[in-house]
Protein backbone atom coordinates (compact mmCIF):
# COMPACT_ATOMS: atom_id res chain seq x y z
CA MET A 1 -16.61 -19.39 -16.26
CA ARG A 2 -14.89 -22.27 -17.97
CA PHE A 3 -11.49 -23.61 -17.08
CA LEU A 4 -8.88 -25.26 -19.25
CA PHE A 5 -6.77 -27.43 -16.95
CA ASP A 6 -3.19 -27.69 -18.09
CA GLU A 7 -1.50 -31.01 -18.73
CA ASN A 8 0.54 -30.68 -15.53
CA LEU A 9 -2.67 -31.13 -13.55
CA SER A 10 -4.50 -34.42 -13.24
CA GLU A 11 -7.61 -35.02 -15.29
CA SER A 12 -9.25 -36.10 -12.04
CA ILE A 13 -9.18 -32.48 -10.85
CA ALA A 14 -11.22 -31.45 -13.88
CA ALA A 15 -13.63 -34.31 -13.21
CA ARG A 16 -13.99 -33.33 -9.52
CA LEU A 17 -14.82 -29.75 -10.51
CA ALA A 18 -17.17 -30.50 -13.42
CA GLN A 19 -20.31 -29.78 -11.40
CA HIS A 20 -18.95 -26.44 -10.15
CA PHE A 21 -17.46 -25.16 -13.40
CA ARG A 22 -19.50 -26.55 -16.29
CA GLY A 23 -17.92 -26.59 -19.72
CA SER A 24 -14.41 -26.87 -18.35
CA GLU A 25 -11.89 -29.08 -20.14
CA HIS A 26 -8.54 -30.70 -19.66
CA VAL A 27 -5.76 -30.06 -22.19
CA ARG A 28 -5.34 -33.79 -22.86
CA ARG A 29 -9.00 -34.05 -23.90
CA ALA A 30 -9.20 -30.77 -25.80
CA LEU A 31 -5.82 -31.07 -27.52
CA GLN A 32 -3.27 -33.83 -27.85
CA ALA A 33 -0.94 -34.78 -25.01
CA GLY A 34 2.26 -32.78 -25.18
CA ALA A 35 0.72 -29.73 -26.87
CA SER A 36 3.12 -26.80 -26.77
CA ASP A 37 2.53 -23.89 -24.43
CA SER A 38 1.73 -21.61 -27.36
CA VAL A 39 -0.88 -24.04 -28.72
CA VAL A 40 -2.50 -24.32 -25.26
CA TRP A 41 -2.40 -20.52 -24.85
CA ASP A 42 -4.00 -19.90 -28.25
CA PHE A 43 -6.66 -22.56 -27.67
CA ALA A 44 -7.61 -21.05 -24.29
CA LYS A 45 -7.73 -17.59 -25.82
CA ARG A 46 -9.79 -18.64 -28.86
CA HIS A 47 -12.33 -20.59 -26.81
CA ASP A 48 -12.64 -18.18 -23.88
CA PHE A 49 -11.18 -20.49 -21.22
CA VAL A 50 -9.46 -19.46 -18.01
CA LEU A 51 -6.20 -21.40 -18.04
CA VAL A 52 -5.48 -23.23 -14.75
CA THR A 53 -1.89 -24.39 -14.38
CA CYS A 54 1.11 -25.08 -12.17
CA ASP A 55 3.44 -24.25 -15.06
CA GLU A 56 5.60 -21.20 -14.40
CA ASP A 57 5.91 -20.65 -18.16
CA PHE A 58 2.24 -19.67 -18.30
CA GLN A 59 2.73 -17.36 -15.35
CA GLY A 60 5.45 -15.61 -17.37
CA MET A 61 3.35 -15.55 -20.53
CA SER A 62 0.49 -13.98 -18.60
CA ILE A 63 2.76 -11.24 -17.26
CA ALA A 64 4.32 -10.61 -20.68
CA LEU A 65 1.24 -10.92 -22.89
CA GLY A 66 -1.68 -10.09 -20.59
CA ALA A 67 -5.16 -11.47 -21.01
CA PRO A 68 -6.84 -13.18 -22.69
CA PRO A 69 -6.58 -15.84 -21.64
CA LYS A 70 -6.67 -15.20 -17.96
CA VAL A 71 -4.37 -17.50 -16.01
CA ILE A 72 -4.82 -19.06 -12.59
CA TRP A 73 -1.41 -20.22 -11.42
CA LEU A 74 -1.53 -22.79 -8.63
CA ASP A 75 1.32 -22.66 -6.12
CA VAL A 76 0.39 -25.93 -4.43
CA HIS A 77 3.66 -27.77 -3.63
CA ASN A 78 2.81 -31.47 -3.84
CA ALA A 79 -0.84 -31.03 -2.87
CA THR A 80 -3.13 -33.93 -3.64
CA ASN A 81 -5.71 -33.71 -6.40
CA ARG A 82 -8.43 -33.55 -3.75
CA GLU A 83 -6.66 -30.63 -2.03
CA ILE A 84 -6.24 -28.75 -5.31
CA ALA A 85 -9.92 -29.20 -6.21
CA ALA A 86 -10.96 -28.09 -2.71
CA LEU A 87 -8.74 -24.99 -2.97
CA ILE A 88 -10.38 -23.98 -6.25
CA VAL A 89 -13.88 -24.47 -4.83
CA ARG A 90 -12.96 -22.55 -1.66
CA LYS A 91 -11.63 -19.66 -3.73
CA ALA A 92 -14.54 -19.58 -6.21
CA ASP A 93 -15.59 -16.08 -5.10
CA VAL A 94 -12.03 -14.76 -5.56
CA ILE A 95 -11.86 -16.45 -8.97
CA GLU A 96 -15.19 -14.91 -10.03
CA ARG A 97 -13.95 -11.42 -9.12
CA PHE A 98 -10.69 -12.09 -10.99
CA VAL A 99 -12.52 -13.21 -14.14
CA ALA A 100 -14.82 -10.17 -13.99
CA ASP A 101 -11.89 -7.74 -13.64
CA ASP A 102 -11.01 -6.52 -17.15
CA GLU A 103 -7.53 -5.42 -16.01
CA ALA A 104 -6.49 -8.66 -14.27
CA ALA A 105 -4.52 -11.30 -16.19
CA LEU A 106 -2.99 -13.53 -13.49
CA LEU A 107 -4.32 -14.94 -10.24
CA VAL A 108 -2.03 -16.90 -7.93
CA LEU A 109 -3.67 -19.39 -5.58
CA ARG A 110 -1.52 -20.87 -2.83
CA GLN A 111 -2.07 -24.02 -0.82
CA ILE A 112 -0.85 -23.36 2.69
CA ARG A 113 0.06 -26.53 4.53
CA THR A 114 -0.61 -26.56 8.24
CA SER A 115 1.20 -29.81 8.99
């Protein structure tokens, strides 16, 4: 499973997860900075990426258009890059089931703050 990390996420998250999810990319490296949502969507679809984002527009596109690409929408409210990467690693089994499910188009992952 390969992720395409949206521009609203730090490139450091992609770097932190490189060993867990080989072949993943960040939008800024794969496309130019400021690429439109439709360009990002089409790129993810064409290259079989799972799109990882905090952008509510992609959540809406996923609901309206379905998969592919599959979308992981992160509801992380000011979480650090380290916390976001840890959340994705912790939820790897959930993500694997989501990717394998032919009917699923959107997965929401939430960071629950305890303090």
